[in-house]
Amino acid sequence: MDSDPQREDGHDTSPIWVSDRPENEQTAKPSAPTPTYAPVERVPLRVLLQQPRVRRLRNRALLALAVGAVVGLLLMDWRLGATAGVIAAIGDAVYRARSNSTVPAWRRSSVAERRTEAQLRQLERRGYRTLHARAIPGTEAQIDHLVVGPTGVYAVDSEKWDKRLPVRVQMGRKLFHGPFDKKDRLNEARGEATRAAELISKVYGRQISVVPSLAIYGPPVPWKIMTIKGVDVYEGVRARRWITKRERALTETEIDRIYEIAAQVLPPRYGEG
């Protein structure tokens, strides 16, 4: 919104009032200055209703009313209908809160990252901690999700590929998406994890391994988990199981310390906040 909007008549300055009194009267006895007021712009109701937060509240209210009306009519009890409507509104609020990403929308590079983030959020109750969109200092590389938890440290890169093209592996060493060789992408994922491990280990004081992976969304992946050129490749929906299926390797104290170090040596790609 402009900070200095124009008036409706096209002028952007204060109005000049012309007196109909004789000029000599004006000079002999100057009148008090006429107060001017900044115009107050009213936001149209249509614009207000288009705001995301207002839309969410409106939709939640409509959902509650619809559920309440249906339940009330079916059970012939308006109190049960009102209760069902309230429960529906609460359920919608909880769902929205859980599905909301901690990474602001303008920072997200893909839907794949949001889907992986939703899986990793479910691991928090099991002692896992995650950093999203972390940069590798001195490079343009980025680790989409760095996970630190009881079973170790993991670098997960989320990939959204064209579902019309098949995913296949050749000789156990080459990954293809349709006709496209994904050698460079594997090298990037492995290099990001290796560099992250070096930075963390240097501060921690002992060797820390970071396991690299590609979580693929879109086309079906014809295997559960396959290690190709040192990178674990799997269908995106398996990200959580890929992390938790291993044996316990870190204590709570180690997890907290490694997480703190990782947050320091791997800065957020888009800054804080």
Protein backbone atom coordinates (compact mmCIF):
# COMPACT_ATOMS: atom_id res chain seq x y z
CA MET A 1 0.00 0.00 0.00
CA ASP A 2 1.39 3.44 -0.90
CA SER A 3 2.34 5.57 2.06
CA ASP A 4 1.21 8.78 0.33
CA PRO A 5 -1.90 7.97 -1.68
CA GLN A 6 -3.31 10.49 -4.10
CA ARG A 7 -6.66 12.15 -3.62
CA GLU A 8 -9.55 11.07 -5.75
CA ASP A 9 -9.33 14.31 -7.76
CA GLY A 10 -5.79 13.46 -8.83
CA HIS A 11 -3.95 15.92 -6.52
CA ASP A 12 -1.43 14.68 -4.00
CA THR A 13 -1.06 17.96 -2.05
CA SER A 14 -3.21 19.68 0.53
CA PRO A 15 -6.21 21.54 -0.95
CA ILE A 16 -5.90 25.34 -1.45
CA TRP A 17 -8.91 27.17 -0.14
CA VAL A 18 -9.79 30.42 -1.96
CA SER A 19 -11.61 33.06 0.04
CA ASP A 20 -14.39 35.16 -1.49
CA ARG A 21 -13.58 38.15 0.73
CA PRO A 22 -11.85 41.27 -0.66
CA GLU A 23 -8.07 41.12 -0.83
CA ASN A 24 -7.61 44.07 1.55
CA GLU A 25 -9.60 42.31 4.26
CA GLN A 26 -7.45 39.26 3.90
CA THR A 27 -4.22 41.20 4.31
CA ALA A 28 -5.50 43.41 7.11
CA LYS A 29 -6.68 40.59 9.29
CA PRO A 30 -5.27 37.24 8.35
CA SER A 31 -7.54 34.41 9.21
CA ALA A 32 -6.50 31.45 11.29
CA PRO A 33 -4.98 28.62 9.29
CA THR A 34 -7.48 26.05 8.16
CA PRO A 35 -6.65 22.64 9.66
CA THR A 36 -6.11 19.87 7.21
CA TYR A 37 -6.48 16.20 7.88
CA ALA A 38 -4.79 13.21 6.31
CA PRO A 39 -7.28 11.13 4.40
CA VAL A 40 -8.27 7.89 6.09
CA GLU A 41 -8.38 4.97 3.71
CA ARG A 42 -10.91 2.30 4.46
CA VAL A 43 -10.07 -1.24 3.47
CA PRO A 44 -12.90 -2.70 1.40
CA LEU A 45 -14.63 -5.70 2.93
CA ARG A 46 -13.83 -7.72 -0.19
CA VAL A 47 -10.08 -7.14 0.31
CA LEU A 48 -10.32 -7.96 4.01
CA LEU A 49 -12.05 -11.25 3.30
CA GLN A 50 -9.23 -12.23 0.94
CA GLN A 51 -6.62 -12.13 3.70
CA PRO A 52 -5.28 -15.67 4.40
CA ARG A 53 -5.98 -15.54 8.12
CA VAL A 54 -9.53 -14.25 7.61
CA ARG A 55 -10.17 -16.93 4.97
CA ARG A 56 -9.01 -19.64 7.37
CA LEU A 57 -11.26 -18.37 10.14
CA ARG A 58 -14.18 -18.04 7.73
CA ASN A 59 -13.71 -21.56 6.38
CA ARG A 60 -13.39 -22.93 9.90
CA ALA A 61 -16.62 -21.25 10.92
CA LEU A 62 -18.41 -22.59 7.84
CA LEU A 63 -17.10 -26.07 8.59
CA ALA A 64 -18.33 -25.88 12.16
CA LEU A 65 -21.76 -24.67 11.04
CA ALA A 66 -22.08 -27.38 8.39
CA VAL A 67 -21.03 -30.17 10.74
CA GLY A 68 -23.23 -28.82 13.50
CA ALA A 69 -26.26 -28.57 11.21
CA VAL A 70 -25.84 -32.09 9.81
CA VAL A 71 -25.29 -33.72 13.20
CA GLY A 72 -28.12 -31.70 14.77
CA LEU A 73 -30.58 -32.73 12.08
CA LEU A 74 -29.53 -36.38 12.12
CA LEU A 75 -29.71 -36.71 15.89
CA MET A 76 -32.54 -34.19 16.34
CA ASP A 77 -30.59 -32.47 19.10
CA TRP A 78 -29.15 -28.99 18.60
CA ARG A 79 -26.82 -29.39 21.59
CA LEU A 80 -25.11 -32.41 20.05
CA GLY A 81 -24.92 -30.51 16.78
CA ALA A 82 -23.25 -27.54 18.49
CA THR A 83 -20.79 -29.87 20.22
CA ALA A 84 -19.94 -31.58 16.92
CA GLY A 85 -19.40 -28.19 15.30
CA VAL A 86 -16.99 -27.10 18.04
CA ILE A 87 -15.09 -30.39 17.77
CA ALA A 88 -14.83 -29.96 14.00
CA ALA A 89 -13.43 -26.44 14.41
CA ILE A 90 -10.88 -27.62 16.97
CA GLY A 91 -9.88 -30.52 14.73
CA ASP A 92 -9.35 -28.18 11.81
CA ALA A 93 -7.21 -25.85 13.93
CA VAL A 94 -5.05 -28.74 15.14
CA TYR A 95 -4.63 -30.09 11.61
CA ARG A 96 -3.62 -26.68 10.27
CA ALA A 97 -1.11 -26.19 13.07
CA ARG A 98 0.53 -29.55 12.45
CA SER A 99 0.63 -29.19 8.68
CA ASN A 100 2.04 -25.67 8.82
CA SER A 101 5.72 -25.55 7.86
CA THR A 102 8.38 -23.92 10.03
CA VAL A 103 10.01 -22.73 6.84
CA PRO A 104 8.17 -19.63 5.51
CA ALA A 105 6.42 -20.15 2.19
CA TRP A 106 8.64 -17.76 0.24
CA ARG A 107 11.68 -19.73 1.31
CA ARG A 108 10.52 -23.17 0.24
CA SER A 109 12.00 -24.52 -2.93
CA SER A 110 9.63 -27.45 -3.39
CA VAL A 111 6.59 -29.32 -2.15
CA ALA A 112 8.92 -32.28 -1.56
CA GLU A 113 10.68 -30.43 1.26
CA ARG A 114 7.39 -29.77 3.01
CA ARG A 115 6.40 -33.42 2.76
CA THR A 116 9.69 -34.58 4.24
CA GLU A 117 9.49 -31.95 6.95
CA ALA A 118 6.06 -33.25 7.96
CA GLN A 119 7.51 -36.74 8.41
CA LEU A 120 10.49 -35.52 10.39
CA ARG A 121 8.27 -33.48 12.70
CA GLN A 122 6.73 -36.74 13.89
CA LEU A 123 10.17 -37.90 15.07
CA GLU A 124 10.55 -35.08 17.60
CA ARG A 125 8.76 -37.07 20.31
CA ARG A 126 11.32 -39.85 19.80
CA GLY A 127 14.29 -37.61 20.49
CA TYR A 128 15.20 -36.49 16.96
CA ARG A 129 16.06 -32.88 16.16
CA THR A 130 16.08 -31.36 12.68
CA LEU A 131 17.56 -28.32 10.95
CA HIS A 132 15.98 -27.28 7.67
CA ALA A 133 17.54 -25.55 4.64
CA ARG A 134 21.11 -25.32 5.94
CA ALA A 135 23.85 -23.85 3.78
CA ILE A 136 27.32 -25.29 3.29
CA PRO A 137 29.64 -22.30 3.97
CA GLY A 138 31.60 -21.10 0.96
CA THR A 139 29.38 -22.90 -1.54
CA GLU A 140 25.94 -22.67 -3.12
CA ALA A 141 25.07 -26.12 -1.77
CA GLN A 142 22.26 -26.72 0.69
CA ILE A 143 21.18 -29.60 2.90
CA ASP A 144 17.39 -29.63 2.87
CA HIS A 145 17.09 -31.43 6.22
CA LEU A 146 19.85 -32.31 8.70
CA VAL A 147 18.56 -34.80 11.29
CA VAL A 148 20.30 -35.58 14.59
CA GLY A 149 18.85 -38.35 16.72
CA PRO A 150 19.37 -41.60 18.60
CA THR A 151 20.34 -43.53 15.45
CA GLY A 152 22.85 -40.98 14.12
CA VAL A 153 23.14 -37.91 11.91
CA TYR A 154 21.49 -37.73 8.48
CA ALA A 155 21.41 -35.36 5.53
CA VAL A 156 18.14 -35.63 3.58
CA ASP A 157 17.72 -33.91 0.22
CA SER A 158 14.11 -33.90 -1.01
CA GLU A 159 13.59 -34.30 -4.76
CA LYS A 160 10.37 -33.76 -6.74
CA TRP A 161 10.73 -35.55 -10.08
CA ASP A 162 8.41 -35.96 -13.03
CA LYS A 163 6.21 -38.94 -12.22
CA ARG A 164 5.89 -39.80 -15.92
CA LEU A 165 9.56 -40.82 -16.14
CA PRO A 166 10.72 -44.03 -14.45
CA VAL A 167 13.45 -44.25 -11.84
CA ARG A 168 16.01 -46.98 -12.49
CA VAL A 169 19.50 -48.00 -11.50
CA GLN A 170 22.20 -49.43 -13.76
CA MET A 171 24.90 -51.80 -12.52
CA GLY A 172 24.17 -50.65 -8.97
CA ARG A 173 26.21 -47.48 -9.57
CA LYS A 174 24.20 -45.23 -11.90
CA LEU A 175 20.87 -43.61 -11.11
CA PHE A 176 18.59 -42.56 -13.95
CA HIS A 177 15.35 -40.64 -14.09
CA GLY A 178 14.04 -41.52 -17.51
CA PRO A 179 16.96 -40.73 -19.88
CA PHE A 180 18.63 -38.37 -17.38
CA ASP A 181 21.75 -39.50 -15.54
CA LYS A 182 21.60 -38.31 -11.91
CA LYS A 183 25.32 -38.69 -11.28
CA ASP A 184 25.77 -34.99 -10.47
CA ARG A 185 22.90 -35.02 -8.01
CA LEU A 186 24.37 -38.02 -6.19
CA ASN A 187 27.76 -36.33 -6.05
CA GLU A 188 26.19 -33.18 -4.64
CA ALA A 189 24.33 -35.06 -1.90
CA ARG A 190 27.43 -37.01 -0.92
CA GLY A 191 29.61 -33.90 -0.97
CA GLU A 192 27.17 -31.93 1.20
CA ALA A 193 27.07 -34.67 3.84
CA THR A 194 30.85 -35.09 3.79
CA ARG A 195 31.47 -31.39 4.27
CA ALA A 196 28.85 -31.16 7.04
CA ALA A 197 30.53 -34.08 8.84
CA GLU A 198 33.92 -32.36 8.59
CA LEU A 199 32.63 -29.09 10.04
CA ILE A 200 30.76 -30.77 12.88
CA SER A 201 33.62 -33.14 13.74
CA LYS A 202 36.15 -30.30 13.90
CA VAL A 203 34.19 -28.50 16.62
CA TYR A 204 32.96 -31.64 18.40
CA GLY A 205 36.44 -33.07 18.77
CA ARG A 206 35.80 -36.52 17.35
CA GLN A 207 34.64 -38.02 14.09
CA ILE A 208 30.95 -37.66 13.33
CA SER A 209 29.45 -39.36 10.27
CA VAL A 210 26.61 -37.79 8.32
CA VAL A 211 24.67 -40.25 6.16
CA PRO A 212 23.54 -38.73 2.83
CA SER A 213 20.27 -39.56 1.09
CA LEU A 214 17.85 -38.58 -1.66
CA ALA A 215 14.13 -38.72 -0.85
CA ILE A 216 12.34 -38.90 -4.21
CA TYR A 217 8.73 -37.82 -4.71
CA GLY A 218 6.71 -38.24 -7.89
CA PRO A 219 7.65 -41.42 -9.76
CA PRO A 220 7.56 -44.78 -7.98
CA VAL A 221 10.94 -46.07 -6.82
CA PRO A 222 11.20 -49.83 -7.57
CA TRP A 223 13.13 -50.64 -4.38
CA LYS A 224 12.88 -49.83 -0.69
CA ILE A 225 16.32 -48.38 0.02
CA MET A 226 19.38 -48.64 -2.22
CA THR A 227 22.83 -47.18 -1.69
CA ILE A 228 24.15 -45.73 -4.95
CA LYS A 229 27.63 -44.16 -4.97
CA GLY A 230 27.49 -43.76 -1.21
CA VAL A 231 24.03 -42.14 -1.16
CA ASP A 232 20.89 -43.87 0.11
CA VAL A 233 18.09 -43.46 -2.42
CA TYR A 234 14.45 -44.19 -1.57
CA GLU A 235 10.90 -43.07 -2.18
CA GLY A 236 10.13 -39.92 -0.19
CA VAL A 237 7.45 -41.51 1.99
CA ARG A 238 10.10 -43.79 3.48
CA ALA A 239 12.22 -40.96 4.92
CA ARG A 240 11.11 -41.46 8.51
CA ARG A 241 11.56 -45.23 8.46
CA TRP A 242 14.95 -44.87 6.77
CA ILE A 243 16.17 -42.89 9.77
CA THR A 244 14.61 -44.92 12.59
CA LYS A 245 15.38 -48.44 11.34
CA ARG A 246 19.01 -48.28 12.49
CA GLU A 247 20.45 -49.16 15.89
CA ARG A 248 20.88 -46.57 18.60
CA ALA A 249 24.19 -44.72 18.27
CA LEU A 250 23.94 -41.44 20.22
CA THR A 251 22.98 -40.46 23.76
CA GLU A 252 20.70 -37.52 24.56
CA THR A 253 23.72 -35.45 25.60
CA GLU A 254 25.50 -36.21 22.34
CA ILE A 255 22.39 -35.40 20.32
CA ASP A 256 22.02 -32.00 21.98
CA ARG A 257 25.69 -31.12 21.53
CA ILE A 258 25.86 -32.21 17.88
CA TYR A 259 22.65 -30.34 17.13
CA GLU A 260 24.03 -27.14 18.68
CA ILE A 261 27.27 -27.44 16.71
CA ALA A 262 25.43 -28.15 13.46
CA ALA A 263 23.27 -25.06 13.97
CA GLN A 264 26.45 -22.99 14.31
CA VAL A 265 28.59 -24.39 11.49
CA LEU A 266 25.74 -24.82 8.99
CA PRO A 267 24.00 -21.43 8.78
CA PRO A 268 20.39 -21.15 7.61
CA ARG A 269 20.23 -20.64 3.86
CA TYR A 270 17.73 -17.79 4.12
CA GLY A 271 18.68 -16.21 7.43
CA GLU A 272 16.87 -16.38 10.72
CA GLY A 273 13.24 -15.41 11.21
